[in-house]
N, C-alpha and C. Protein backbone atom coordinates (compact mmCIF):
# COMPACT_ATOMS: atom_id res chain seq x y z
N MET A 1 41.05 -32.29 0.43
CA MET A 1 39.90 -31.40 0.59
C MET A 1 40.18 -30.07 -0.10
N SER A 2 39.22 -29.55 -0.88
CA SER A 2 39.42 -28.33 -1.63
C SER A 2 39.37 -27.12 -0.71
N HIS A 3 40.08 -26.04 -1.12
CA HIS A 3 40.07 -24.80 -0.34
C HIS A 3 38.71 -24.14 -0.46
N PHE A 4 38.12 -23.76 0.67
CA PHE A 4 36.80 -23.13 0.67
C PHE A 4 36.98 -21.63 0.82
N PRO A 5 36.58 -20.82 -0.19
CA PRO A 5 36.78 -19.37 -0.13
C PRO A 5 35.91 -18.73 0.94
N THR A 6 36.48 -17.82 1.71
CA THR A 6 35.73 -17.20 2.81
C THR A 6 35.64 -15.68 2.67
N ASN A 7 36.14 -15.13 1.57
CA ASN A 7 36.20 -13.67 1.45
C ASN A 7 35.30 -13.15 0.32
N ILE A 8 34.29 -13.88 -0.05
CA ILE A 8 33.40 -13.45 -1.14
C ILE A 8 32.35 -12.49 -0.58
N PRO A 9 32.13 -11.34 -1.22
CA PRO A 9 31.15 -10.37 -0.72
C PRO A 9 29.74 -10.94 -0.66
N GLU A 10 28.96 -10.41 0.29
CA GLU A 10 27.59 -10.89 0.52
C GLU A 10 26.74 -10.79 -0.75
N LYS A 11 26.83 -9.66 -1.45
CA LYS A 11 26.00 -9.47 -2.65
C LYS A 11 26.38 -10.47 -3.74
N THR A 12 27.65 -10.81 -3.84
CA THR A 12 28.09 -11.81 -4.82
C THR A 12 27.51 -13.18 -4.47
N ILE A 13 27.51 -13.53 -3.18
CA ILE A 13 26.92 -14.80 -2.75
C ILE A 13 25.45 -14.85 -3.13
N GLU A 14 24.73 -13.74 -2.92
CA GLU A 14 23.31 -13.69 -3.27
C GLU A 14 23.14 -13.92 -4.77
N ARG A 15 23.98 -13.25 -5.58
CA ARG A 15 23.85 -13.41 -7.04
C ARG A 15 24.23 -14.82 -7.48
N LEU A 16 25.23 -15.42 -6.84
CA LEU A 16 25.61 -16.80 -7.20
C LEU A 16 24.44 -17.75 -6.98
N SER A 17 23.70 -17.56 -5.88
CA SER A 17 22.52 -18.38 -5.62
C SER A 17 21.47 -18.17 -6.70
N GLU A 18 21.29 -16.92 -7.13
CA GLU A 18 20.33 -16.62 -8.19
C GLU A 18 20.78 -17.21 -9.53
N TYR A 19 22.08 -17.08 -9.84
CA TYR A 19 22.59 -17.70 -11.08
C TYR A 19 22.33 -19.20 -11.07
N ARG A 20 22.57 -19.81 -9.91
CA ARG A 20 22.41 -21.26 -9.80
C ARG A 20 20.99 -21.69 -10.13
N ARG A 21 20.00 -20.96 -9.61
CA ARG A 21 18.61 -21.30 -9.90
C ARG A 21 18.32 -21.21 -11.40
N THR A 22 18.83 -20.16 -12.03
CA THR A 22 18.64 -20.01 -13.47
C THR A 22 19.33 -21.13 -14.24
N LEU A 23 20.55 -21.46 -13.83
CA LEU A 23 21.30 -22.53 -14.49
C LEU A 23 20.61 -23.88 -14.34
N LEU A 24 20.03 -24.13 -13.17
CA LEU A 24 19.29 -25.38 -12.97
C LEU A 24 18.09 -25.44 -13.89
N SER A 25 17.41 -24.31 -14.09
CA SER A 25 16.28 -24.25 -15.01
C SER A 25 16.74 -24.53 -16.43
N CYS A 26 17.89 -23.94 -16.81
CA CYS A 26 18.45 -24.18 -18.15
C CYS A 26 18.78 -25.66 -18.33
N HIS A 27 19.38 -26.25 -17.29
CA HIS A 27 19.78 -27.65 -17.35
C HIS A 27 18.56 -28.56 -17.55
N ARG A 28 17.47 -28.24 -16.84
CA ARG A 28 16.24 -29.04 -16.98
C ARG A 28 15.66 -28.93 -18.39
N GLN A 29 15.92 -27.81 -19.05
CA GLN A 29 15.42 -27.60 -20.41
C GLN A 29 16.35 -28.19 -21.48
N GLY A 30 17.47 -28.76 -21.04
CA GLY A 30 18.41 -29.36 -21.98
C GLY A 30 19.41 -28.38 -22.55
N ILE A 31 19.48 -27.17 -21.99
CA ILE A 31 20.44 -26.17 -22.46
C ILE A 31 21.80 -26.48 -21.85
N THR A 32 22.82 -26.63 -22.69
CA THR A 32 24.13 -27.06 -22.20
C THR A 32 25.09 -25.90 -21.98
N HIS A 33 24.90 -24.78 -22.69
CA HIS A 33 25.80 -23.63 -22.54
C HIS A 33 24.99 -22.34 -22.51
N VAL A 34 25.52 -21.34 -21.80
CA VAL A 34 24.84 -20.04 -21.74
C VAL A 34 25.90 -18.94 -21.69
N PHE A 35 25.66 -17.87 -22.43
CA PHE A 35 26.60 -16.75 -22.46
C PHE A 35 26.35 -15.81 -21.28
N SER A 36 27.39 -15.08 -20.91
CA SER A 36 27.30 -14.16 -19.77
C SER A 36 26.23 -13.09 -19.99
N HIS A 37 26.09 -12.61 -21.23
CA HIS A 37 25.10 -11.55 -21.47
C HIS A 37 23.67 -12.07 -21.36
N VAL A 38 23.47 -13.36 -21.63
CA VAL A 38 22.14 -13.96 -21.48
C VAL A 38 21.82 -14.09 -19.99
N LEU A 39 22.77 -14.60 -19.23
CA LEU A 39 22.60 -14.73 -17.78
C LEU A 39 22.35 -13.35 -17.16
N ALA A 40 23.09 -12.36 -17.65
CA ALA A 40 22.95 -11.00 -17.13
C ALA A 40 21.56 -10.44 -17.43
N GLY A 41 21.08 -10.67 -18.63
CA GLY A 41 19.77 -10.16 -19.02
C GLY A 41 18.65 -10.73 -18.17
N ILE A 42 18.75 -12.00 -17.86
CA ILE A 42 17.73 -12.66 -17.03
C ILE A 42 17.69 -12.03 -15.64
N HIS A 43 18.85 -11.62 -15.13
CA HIS A 43 18.92 -11.10 -13.76
C HIS A 43 18.96 -9.57 -13.69
N GLY A 44 18.83 -8.91 -14.84
CA GLY A 44 18.75 -7.46 -14.84
C GLY A 44 20.04 -6.76 -14.44
N ILE A 45 21.17 -7.39 -14.76
CA ILE A 45 22.48 -6.78 -14.46
C ILE A 45 23.32 -6.82 -15.73
N THR A 46 24.56 -6.36 -15.66
CA THR A 46 25.43 -6.33 -16.83
C THR A 46 26.24 -7.63 -16.95
N ALA A 47 26.64 -7.92 -18.19
CA ALA A 47 27.50 -9.09 -18.42
C ALA A 47 28.83 -8.92 -17.70
N VAL A 48 29.29 -7.68 -17.56
CA VAL A 48 30.54 -7.42 -16.83
C VAL A 48 30.41 -7.87 -15.38
N GLN A 49 29.23 -7.61 -14.78
CA GLN A 49 29.01 -8.01 -13.39
C GLN A 49 29.02 -9.53 -13.26
N VAL A 50 28.37 -10.23 -14.20
CA VAL A 50 28.36 -11.69 -14.17
C VAL A 50 29.78 -12.23 -14.27
N ARG A 51 30.54 -11.72 -15.23
CA ARG A 51 31.91 -12.21 -15.43
C ARG A 51 32.78 -11.89 -14.20
N ARG A 52 32.55 -10.71 -13.59
CA ARG A 52 33.32 -10.34 -12.40
C ARG A 52 33.02 -11.29 -11.24
N ASP A 53 31.73 -11.61 -11.06
CA ASP A 53 31.34 -12.53 -9.98
C ASP A 53 32.00 -13.90 -10.17
N LEU A 54 31.97 -14.39 -11.40
CA LEU A 54 32.50 -15.73 -11.65
C LEU A 54 34.03 -15.76 -11.61
N MET A 55 34.65 -14.65 -12.04
CA MET A 55 36.11 -14.56 -11.92
C MET A 55 36.52 -14.55 -10.44
N LEU A 56 35.69 -13.92 -9.62
CA LEU A 56 35.97 -13.82 -8.18
C LEU A 56 36.03 -15.19 -7.52
N ILE A 57 35.24 -16.13 -8.03
CA ILE A 57 35.25 -17.48 -7.45
C ILE A 57 36.16 -18.43 -8.22
N GLY A 58 36.89 -17.86 -9.21
CA GLY A 58 37.89 -18.65 -9.92
C GLY A 58 37.35 -19.45 -11.08
N PHE A 59 36.19 -19.04 -11.63
CA PHE A 59 35.61 -19.79 -12.75
C PHE A 59 35.86 -19.05 -14.06
N SER A 60 36.33 -19.79 -15.07
CA SER A 60 36.51 -19.23 -16.41
C SER A 60 35.80 -20.13 -17.41
N SER A 61 35.58 -19.62 -18.62
CA SER A 61 34.81 -20.41 -19.59
C SER A 61 35.37 -20.28 -20.99
N ASP A 62 34.89 -21.14 -21.87
CA ASP A 62 35.17 -21.05 -23.29
C ASP A 62 34.24 -19.99 -23.87
N THR A 63 34.78 -18.82 -24.20
CA THR A 63 33.93 -17.70 -24.62
C THR A 63 33.21 -17.95 -25.94
N LYS A 64 33.68 -18.88 -26.75
CA LYS A 64 33.01 -19.16 -28.02
C LYS A 64 31.69 -19.88 -27.81
N LYS A 65 31.58 -20.66 -26.76
CA LYS A 65 30.35 -21.43 -26.50
C LYS A 65 29.59 -20.91 -25.29
N GLY A 66 30.22 -20.06 -24.51
CA GLY A 66 29.59 -19.60 -23.28
C GLY A 66 29.95 -20.52 -22.13
N TYR A 67 29.27 -20.35 -21.01
CA TYR A 67 29.53 -21.15 -19.83
C TYR A 67 28.89 -22.52 -19.98
N ASP A 68 29.63 -23.57 -19.60
CA ASP A 68 29.06 -24.91 -19.54
C ASP A 68 28.12 -24.96 -18.33
N VAL A 69 26.83 -25.15 -18.59
CA VAL A 69 25.80 -25.04 -17.55
C VAL A 69 26.04 -26.02 -16.41
N LYS A 70 26.25 -27.29 -16.72
CA LYS A 70 26.41 -28.30 -15.67
C LYS A 70 27.68 -28.07 -14.86
N VAL A 71 28.77 -27.73 -15.54
CA VAL A 71 30.03 -27.49 -14.84
C VAL A 71 29.89 -26.29 -13.90
N LEU A 72 29.21 -25.23 -14.37
CA LEU A 72 29.05 -24.04 -13.55
C LEU A 72 28.13 -24.29 -12.36
N ILE A 73 27.09 -25.10 -12.55
CA ILE A 73 26.21 -25.48 -11.43
C ILE A 73 27.04 -26.17 -10.34
N ASP A 74 27.84 -27.14 -10.75
CA ASP A 74 28.66 -27.88 -9.78
C ASP A 74 29.67 -26.96 -9.09
N PHE A 75 30.22 -26.02 -9.85
CA PHE A 75 31.22 -25.11 -9.31
C PHE A 75 30.59 -24.20 -8.25
N ILE A 76 29.42 -23.64 -8.57
CA ILE A 76 28.72 -22.77 -7.63
C ILE A 76 28.26 -23.56 -6.40
N ASN A 77 27.80 -24.80 -6.63
CA ASN A 77 27.42 -25.65 -5.50
C ASN A 77 28.56 -25.78 -4.51
N ASN A 78 29.76 -26.00 -5.03
CA ASN A 78 30.91 -26.19 -4.16
C ASN A 78 31.26 -24.91 -3.40
N ILE A 79 31.06 -23.76 -4.06
CA ILE A 79 31.33 -22.48 -3.41
C ILE A 79 30.32 -22.22 -2.30
N LEU A 80 29.03 -22.46 -2.59
CA LEU A 80 27.98 -22.14 -1.63
C LEU A 80 27.94 -23.12 -0.46
N TYR A 81 28.18 -24.40 -0.74
CA TYR A 81 27.96 -25.41 0.28
C TYR A 81 29.21 -26.15 0.74
N GLY A 82 30.29 -26.07 -0.03
CA GLY A 82 31.44 -26.90 0.29
C GLY A 82 31.14 -28.35 -0.04
N GLU A 83 31.75 -29.27 0.66
CA GLU A 83 31.64 -30.68 0.31
C GLU A 83 30.57 -31.41 1.11
N ASN A 84 30.09 -30.81 2.19
CA ASN A 84 29.20 -31.53 3.08
C ASN A 84 27.79 -30.96 3.07
N VAL A 85 26.82 -31.83 3.35
CA VAL A 85 25.44 -31.40 3.54
C VAL A 85 25.34 -30.69 4.89
N MET A 86 24.58 -29.59 4.95
CA MET A 86 24.40 -28.86 6.19
C MET A 86 22.97 -29.05 6.70
N ASN A 87 22.83 -29.41 7.96
CA ASN A 87 21.52 -29.70 8.53
C ASN A 87 20.89 -28.46 9.18
N ILE A 88 19.57 -28.34 9.01
CA ILE A 88 18.82 -27.17 9.45
C ILE A 88 17.62 -27.62 10.29
N ALA A 89 17.24 -26.78 11.26
CA ALA A 89 16.02 -27.00 12.02
C ALA A 89 15.14 -25.77 11.93
N VAL A 90 13.83 -25.96 12.02
CA VAL A 90 12.87 -24.86 12.04
C VAL A 90 12.28 -24.77 13.44
N ILE A 91 12.28 -23.58 14.01
CA ILE A 91 11.67 -23.35 15.32
C ILE A 91 10.35 -22.61 15.09
N GLY A 92 9.25 -23.30 15.40
CA GLY A 92 7.92 -22.71 15.18
C GLY A 92 7.28 -23.30 13.94
N MET A 93 6.38 -24.26 14.12
CA MET A 93 5.77 -24.95 12.97
C MET A 93 4.31 -24.51 12.77
N GLY A 94 4.10 -23.20 12.80
CA GLY A 94 2.81 -22.65 12.38
C GLY A 94 2.74 -22.66 10.86
N HIS A 95 1.85 -21.85 10.30
CA HIS A 95 1.68 -21.84 8.85
C HIS A 95 2.98 -21.46 8.13
N LEU A 96 3.69 -20.44 8.65
CA LEU A 96 4.92 -20.01 7.99
C LEU A 96 5.99 -21.09 8.08
N GLY A 97 6.20 -21.66 9.26
CA GLY A 97 7.20 -22.70 9.41
C GLY A 97 6.95 -23.89 8.52
N GLN A 98 5.70 -24.29 8.41
CA GLN A 98 5.34 -25.42 7.54
C GLN A 98 5.56 -25.07 6.07
N ALA A 99 5.22 -23.84 5.70
CA ALA A 99 5.41 -23.42 4.31
C ALA A 99 6.89 -23.39 3.95
N ILE A 100 7.72 -22.87 4.87
CA ILE A 100 9.17 -22.82 4.63
C ILE A 100 9.72 -24.23 4.46
N THR A 101 9.31 -25.15 5.35
CA THR A 101 9.80 -26.53 5.30
C THR A 101 9.40 -27.21 3.99
N LYS A 102 8.14 -27.07 3.63
CA LYS A 102 7.65 -27.72 2.41
C LYS A 102 8.36 -27.16 1.18
N TYR A 103 8.51 -25.85 1.12
CA TYR A 103 9.15 -25.21 -0.03
C TYR A 103 10.62 -25.59 -0.11
N PHE A 104 11.32 -25.47 1.02
CA PHE A 104 12.76 -25.62 1.01
C PHE A 104 13.19 -27.04 0.70
N ASN A 105 12.53 -28.01 1.31
CA ASN A 105 12.96 -29.40 1.10
C ASN A 105 12.59 -29.94 -0.27
N SER A 106 11.85 -29.17 -1.06
CA SER A 106 11.56 -29.58 -2.43
C SER A 106 12.66 -29.15 -3.40
N LYS A 107 13.63 -28.38 -2.90
CA LYS A 107 14.63 -27.78 -3.79
C LYS A 107 15.87 -28.65 -3.99
N GLN A 108 16.01 -29.73 -3.25
CA GLN A 108 17.12 -30.67 -3.42
C GLN A 108 18.48 -29.97 -3.35
N LEU A 109 18.68 -29.21 -2.28
CA LEU A 109 19.94 -28.53 -2.06
C LEU A 109 20.83 -29.35 -1.13
N LYS A 110 22.06 -28.87 -0.93
CA LYS A 110 22.93 -29.49 0.07
C LYS A 110 22.65 -28.87 1.44
N LEU A 111 21.45 -28.40 1.62
CA LEU A 111 20.96 -27.87 2.88
C LEU A 111 19.68 -28.62 3.16
N ARG A 112 19.57 -29.26 4.31
CA ARG A 112 18.40 -30.10 4.59
C ARG A 112 17.74 -29.70 5.90
N ILE A 113 16.45 -29.42 5.85
CA ILE A 113 15.68 -29.26 7.09
C ILE A 113 15.37 -30.67 7.60
N ILE A 114 15.91 -31.02 8.76
CA ILE A 114 15.77 -32.40 9.25
C ILE A 114 15.00 -32.48 10.56
N ALA A 115 14.72 -31.32 11.18
CA ALA A 115 13.99 -31.34 12.46
C ALA A 115 13.24 -30.03 12.63
N SER A 116 12.18 -30.09 13.44
CA SER A 116 11.44 -28.87 13.77
C SER A 116 11.11 -28.88 15.25
N PHE A 117 10.78 -27.70 15.77
CA PHE A 117 10.51 -27.56 17.20
C PHE A 117 9.28 -26.68 17.42
N ASP A 118 8.51 -27.04 18.46
CA ASP A 118 7.32 -26.27 18.80
C ASP A 118 6.97 -26.61 20.24
N ILE A 119 5.93 -25.95 20.77
CA ILE A 119 5.44 -26.32 22.10
C ILE A 119 3.97 -26.75 22.04
N ASP A 120 3.39 -26.71 20.85
CA ASP A 120 1.99 -27.09 20.65
C ASP A 120 1.87 -28.61 20.73
N PRO A 121 1.11 -29.14 21.70
CA PRO A 121 0.99 -30.60 21.85
C PRO A 121 0.40 -31.29 20.62
N GLU A 122 -0.31 -30.55 19.79
CA GLU A 122 -0.87 -31.15 18.57
C GLU A 122 0.19 -31.33 17.50
N LYS A 123 1.34 -30.67 17.67
CA LYS A 123 2.44 -30.79 16.69
C LYS A 123 3.59 -31.64 17.23
N VAL A 124 3.92 -31.44 18.49
CA VAL A 124 5.06 -32.16 19.10
C VAL A 124 4.81 -33.67 19.08
N GLY A 125 5.84 -34.38 18.64
CA GLY A 125 5.73 -35.84 18.59
C GLY A 125 5.19 -36.37 17.29
N HIS A 126 4.88 -35.46 16.37
CA HIS A 126 4.36 -35.86 15.06
C HIS A 126 5.35 -35.47 13.96
N ASN A 127 5.18 -36.08 12.80
CA ASN A 127 5.92 -35.67 11.62
C ASN A 127 5.07 -34.66 10.84
N ILE A 128 5.69 -33.56 10.47
CA ILE A 128 5.02 -32.54 9.66
C ILE A 128 5.79 -32.43 8.35
N ASP A 129 5.14 -32.80 7.25
CA ASP A 129 5.83 -32.87 5.95
C ASP A 129 7.08 -33.75 6.06
N ASP A 130 6.92 -34.87 6.73
CA ASP A 130 7.99 -35.87 6.88
C ASP A 130 9.14 -35.41 7.77
N ILE A 131 8.97 -34.29 8.47
CA ILE A 131 10.01 -33.79 9.37
C ILE A 131 9.52 -33.96 10.81
N PRO A 132 10.29 -34.65 11.68
CA PRO A 132 9.85 -34.83 13.07
C PRO A 132 9.81 -33.50 13.82
N CYS A 133 8.76 -33.33 14.62
CA CYS A 133 8.60 -32.12 15.42
C CYS A 133 8.85 -32.45 16.89
N TYR A 134 9.81 -31.78 17.49
CA TYR A 134 10.19 -32.01 18.89
C TYR A 134 9.74 -30.84 19.76
N HIS A 135 9.65 -31.09 21.06
CA HIS A 135 9.37 -30.00 22.01
C HIS A 135 10.65 -29.18 22.19
N MET A 136 10.49 -27.88 22.42
CA MET A 136 11.65 -27.01 22.60
C MET A 136 12.53 -27.44 23.77
N GLU A 137 11.96 -28.18 24.72
CA GLU A 137 12.76 -28.67 25.84
C GLU A 137 13.87 -29.61 25.38
N GLU A 138 13.69 -30.22 24.18
CA GLU A 138 14.66 -31.17 23.65
C GLU A 138 15.64 -30.52 22.68
N PHE A 139 15.58 -29.19 22.56
CA PHE A 139 16.32 -28.48 21.52
C PHE A 139 17.81 -28.80 21.51
N GLU A 140 18.49 -28.56 22.63
CA GLU A 140 19.94 -28.76 22.66
C GLU A 140 20.34 -30.20 22.34
N GLU A 141 19.60 -31.14 22.88
CA GLU A 141 19.91 -32.56 22.66
C GLU A 141 19.74 -32.95 21.20
N VAL A 142 18.63 -32.53 20.60
CA VAL A 142 18.35 -32.89 19.20
C VAL A 142 19.37 -32.23 18.27
N VAL A 143 19.70 -30.96 18.53
CA VAL A 143 20.69 -30.25 17.71
C VAL A 143 22.03 -30.98 17.77
N SER A 144 22.44 -31.36 18.97
CA SER A 144 23.72 -32.05 19.14
C SER A 144 23.73 -33.42 18.47
N ASN A 145 22.67 -34.19 18.64
CA ASN A 145 22.61 -35.55 18.11
C ASN A 145 22.51 -35.58 16.59
N ASN A 146 22.01 -34.50 15.99
CA ASN A 146 21.78 -34.49 14.54
C ASN A 146 22.70 -33.53 13.79
N ASP A 147 23.69 -33.00 14.48
CA ASP A 147 24.67 -32.11 13.84
C ASP A 147 23.98 -30.98 13.07
N ILE A 148 23.06 -30.29 13.75
CA ILE A 148 22.33 -29.19 13.14
C ILE A 148 23.13 -27.90 13.30
N SER A 149 23.35 -27.18 12.19
CA SER A 149 24.19 -25.98 12.20
C SER A 149 23.39 -24.69 12.13
N ILE A 150 22.19 -24.75 11.51
CA ILE A 150 21.41 -23.55 11.22
C ILE A 150 19.99 -23.74 11.74
N VAL A 151 19.39 -22.65 12.27
CA VAL A 151 17.98 -22.69 12.62
C VAL A 151 17.24 -21.58 11.89
N VAL A 152 16.01 -21.90 11.51
CA VAL A 152 15.08 -20.92 10.95
C VAL A 152 14.05 -20.61 12.03
N VAL A 153 13.92 -19.34 12.40
CA VAL A 153 13.01 -18.94 13.47
C VAL A 153 11.73 -18.39 12.84
N SER A 154 10.61 -19.08 13.08
CA SER A 154 9.35 -18.66 12.47
C SER A 154 8.20 -18.74 13.48
N LEU A 155 8.52 -18.55 14.74
CA LEU A 155 7.50 -18.59 15.78
C LEU A 155 6.98 -17.17 16.05
N PRO A 156 5.94 -16.97 16.89
CA PRO A 156 5.43 -15.62 17.16
C PRO A 156 6.53 -14.69 17.68
N THR A 157 6.51 -13.45 17.22
CA THR A 157 7.56 -12.49 17.52
C THR A 157 7.81 -12.33 19.02
N LYS A 158 6.74 -12.33 19.84
CA LYS A 158 6.90 -12.08 21.28
C LYS A 158 7.75 -13.14 21.97
N ALA A 159 7.87 -14.31 21.36
CA ALA A 159 8.65 -15.39 21.98
C ALA A 159 10.07 -15.47 21.44
N ALA A 160 10.38 -14.68 20.41
CA ALA A 160 11.67 -14.82 19.72
C ALA A 160 12.86 -14.56 20.62
N SER A 161 12.78 -13.52 21.46
CA SER A 161 13.94 -13.15 22.28
C SER A 161 14.33 -14.26 23.26
N GLN A 162 13.39 -15.14 23.60
CA GLN A 162 13.68 -16.22 24.53
C GLN A 162 14.55 -17.31 23.91
N LEU A 163 14.77 -17.22 22.61
CA LEU A 163 15.52 -18.27 21.92
C LEU A 163 17.03 -18.02 21.90
N VAL A 164 17.44 -16.80 22.19
CA VAL A 164 18.86 -16.46 22.04
C VAL A 164 19.74 -17.38 22.87
N VAL A 165 19.44 -17.54 24.15
CA VAL A 165 20.29 -18.38 25.02
C VAL A 165 20.28 -19.84 24.58
N PRO A 166 19.10 -20.46 24.34
CA PRO A 166 19.12 -21.86 23.88
C PRO A 166 19.89 -22.05 22.58
N ILE A 167 19.78 -21.10 21.64
CA ILE A 167 20.50 -21.22 20.37
C ILE A 167 22.00 -21.14 20.59
N VAL A 168 22.44 -20.21 21.42
CA VAL A 168 23.87 -20.10 21.73
C VAL A 168 24.36 -21.36 22.43
N ASN A 169 23.63 -21.81 23.44
CA ASN A 169 24.04 -22.98 24.21
C ASN A 169 24.10 -24.25 23.36
N ALA A 170 23.26 -24.32 22.34
CA ALA A 170 23.22 -25.51 21.49
C ALA A 170 24.36 -25.53 20.48
N GLY A 171 25.07 -24.41 20.34
CA GLY A 171 26.19 -24.37 19.40
C GLY A 171 25.78 -24.10 17.96
N ILE A 172 24.59 -23.52 17.77
CA ILE A 172 24.13 -23.17 16.43
C ILE A 172 25.06 -22.12 15.82
N LYS A 173 25.33 -22.24 14.51
CA LYS A 173 26.27 -21.34 13.84
C LYS A 173 25.59 -20.28 12.98
N GLY A 174 24.32 -20.50 12.61
CA GLY A 174 23.64 -19.55 11.75
C GLY A 174 22.15 -19.50 12.04
N VAL A 175 21.56 -18.30 11.94
CA VAL A 175 20.14 -18.10 12.25
C VAL A 175 19.48 -17.29 11.14
N LEU A 176 18.37 -17.80 10.62
CA LEU A 176 17.52 -17.04 9.71
C LEU A 176 16.25 -16.71 10.47
N ASN A 177 16.06 -15.43 10.76
CA ASN A 177 14.99 -14.98 11.64
C ASN A 177 13.85 -14.35 10.83
N PHE A 178 12.68 -15.00 10.85
CA PHE A 178 11.52 -14.49 10.11
C PHE A 178 10.56 -13.71 11.00
N THR A 179 10.93 -13.45 12.24
CA THR A 179 10.05 -12.65 13.10
C THR A 179 10.36 -11.17 12.89
N SER A 180 9.49 -10.30 13.44
CA SER A 180 9.72 -8.86 13.28
C SER A 180 10.60 -8.29 14.38
N ALA A 181 11.12 -9.14 15.26
CA ALA A 181 12.04 -8.70 16.32
C ALA A 181 13.46 -9.12 15.95
N PRO A 182 14.35 -8.16 15.68
CA PRO A 182 15.75 -8.52 15.36
C PRO A 182 16.37 -9.30 16.51
N LEU A 183 17.09 -10.35 16.19
CA LEU A 183 17.77 -11.15 17.21
C LEU A 183 19.26 -10.85 17.16
N ASN A 184 19.84 -10.58 18.32
CA ASN A 184 21.27 -10.26 18.42
C ASN A 184 22.00 -11.38 19.14
N PHE A 185 23.09 -11.84 18.51
CA PHE A 185 23.85 -12.95 19.05
C PHE A 185 25.32 -12.56 19.21
N PRO A 186 26.07 -13.32 20.01
CA PRO A 186 27.51 -13.05 20.13
C PRO A 186 28.20 -13.23 18.78
N GLN A 187 29.36 -12.63 18.67
CA GLN A 187 30.15 -12.77 17.45
C GLN A 187 30.42 -14.24 17.19
N GLY A 188 30.34 -14.63 15.92
CA GLY A 188 30.59 -16.01 15.56
C GLY A 188 29.34 -16.72 15.09
N ILE A 189 28.16 -16.14 15.37
CA ILE A 189 26.90 -16.69 14.87
C ILE A 189 26.40 -15.77 13.75
N VAL A 190 26.18 -16.34 12.59
CA VAL A 190 25.72 -15.57 11.44
C VAL A 190 24.21 -15.41 11.53
N VAL A 191 23.72 -14.16 11.47
CA VAL A 191 22.29 -13.90 11.63
C VAL A 191 21.76 -13.10 10.44
N GLU A 192 20.64 -13.53 9.90
CA GLU A 192 19.92 -12.78 8.87
C GLU A 192 18.51 -12.54 9.39
N ASN A 193 18.20 -11.26 9.69
CA ASN A 193 16.86 -10.90 10.14
C ASN A 193 16.01 -10.53 8.93
N TYR A 194 14.96 -11.31 8.71
CA TYR A 194 14.16 -11.17 7.49
C TYR A 194 12.73 -10.84 7.89
N ASP A 195 12.44 -9.55 7.99
CA ASP A 195 11.12 -9.11 8.44
C ASP A 195 10.20 -8.94 7.24
N ILE A 196 9.28 -9.88 7.06
CA ILE A 196 8.38 -9.87 5.90
C ILE A 196 7.53 -8.62 5.88
N THR A 197 7.06 -8.17 7.06
CA THR A 197 6.22 -6.97 7.12
C THR A 197 6.98 -5.76 6.60
N THR A 198 8.21 -5.59 7.05
CA THR A 198 9.02 -4.44 6.60
C THR A 198 9.25 -4.49 5.10
N ILE A 199 9.54 -5.68 4.58
CA ILE A 199 9.79 -5.81 3.15
C ILE A 199 8.54 -5.49 2.35
N LEU A 200 7.38 -5.98 2.80
CA LEU A 200 6.12 -5.68 2.11
C LEU A 200 5.80 -4.19 2.17
N GLU A 201 6.04 -3.57 3.33
CA GLU A 201 5.79 -2.14 3.46
C GLU A 201 6.70 -1.34 2.53
N LYS A 202 7.93 -1.81 2.36
CA LYS A 202 8.85 -1.13 1.44
C LYS A 202 8.33 -1.23 0.00
N VAL A 203 7.86 -2.43 -0.37
CA VAL A 203 7.29 -2.61 -1.71
C VAL A 203 6.08 -1.70 -1.90
N ALA A 204 5.21 -1.67 -0.87
CA ALA A 204 4.00 -0.85 -0.95
C ALA A 204 4.34 0.63 -1.11
N TYR A 205 5.37 1.09 -0.39
CA TYR A 205 5.78 2.49 -0.50
C TYR A 205 6.20 2.83 -1.93
N PHE A 206 7.03 1.97 -2.52
CA PHE A 206 7.53 2.27 -3.86
C PHE A 206 6.43 2.13 -4.92
N VAL A 207 5.46 1.25 -4.67
CA VAL A 207 4.30 1.18 -5.57
C VAL A 207 3.55 2.51 -5.55
N LYS A 208 3.31 3.04 -4.35
CA LYS A 208 2.61 4.33 -4.23
C LYS A 208 3.44 5.46 -4.82
N ALA A 209 4.76 5.41 -4.59
CA ALA A 209 5.64 6.45 -5.13
C ALA A 209 5.61 6.45 -6.65
N ASN A 210 5.60 5.24 -7.25
CA ASN A 210 5.54 5.13 -8.71
C ASN A 210 4.21 5.68 -9.24
N GLU A 211 3.14 5.36 -8.49
CA GLU A 211 1.81 5.86 -8.90
C GLU A 211 1.77 7.39 -8.86
N GLU A 212 2.35 7.98 -7.80
CA GLU A 212 2.38 9.43 -7.66
C GLU A 212 3.19 10.05 -8.80
N ASN A 213 4.33 9.44 -9.11
CA ASN A 213 5.19 9.98 -10.18
C ASN A 213 4.49 9.89 -11.53
N ASN A 214 3.74 8.80 -11.74
CA ASN A 214 3.06 8.63 -13.02
C ASN A 214 1.88 9.59 -13.17
N ASN A 215 1.31 10.00 -12.02
CA ASN A 215 0.15 10.90 -12.06
C ASN A 215 0.56 12.35 -12.22
N ASN A 216 1.84 12.64 -11.95
CA ASN A 216 2.31 14.04 -12.04
C ASN A 216 2.84 14.36 -13.44
């Protein structure tokens, strides 16, 4: 089994994911090699930053031809995912939960949404985008039986805080929270709070700021 690096900075991990998407697009177009300065230009950063990120994960290339696209895709895949597929569940199958499931499972990653949870009787017991939807009462059992490591929380914000204990008890290792209420867990559970409203408001602020600067 290969050594899995655990000390890579968060921002580098984010950029590796972005590089991977670009490399996959190149691969689909039949491009076999890409130079660091081309990859950098696409992502609005410097070639030095690209080379530093890849050196950090132990990847080197033939500088005369650039990076081998397929080899680098496989290398980044191994860094991001390791050797095993990781199973994910979505809690809350409203419009956002369904959109996340449909989008994510089309990407063919080593991350799979395999179950969803809700309390709506019109959803529970049915397949939504080919993913079975269970009642929240079955959460711990389904997580255990299906080796689910990560949950995506996309239910109404007012109900989010009620999930902390069930998620901890089920042994979940990572949470992606799309509600506007930050969720706090004991040490050992990785949490990313992703508040769409806050992000949109930040974008709106800078749009207005740019308009003000351009008018002055």
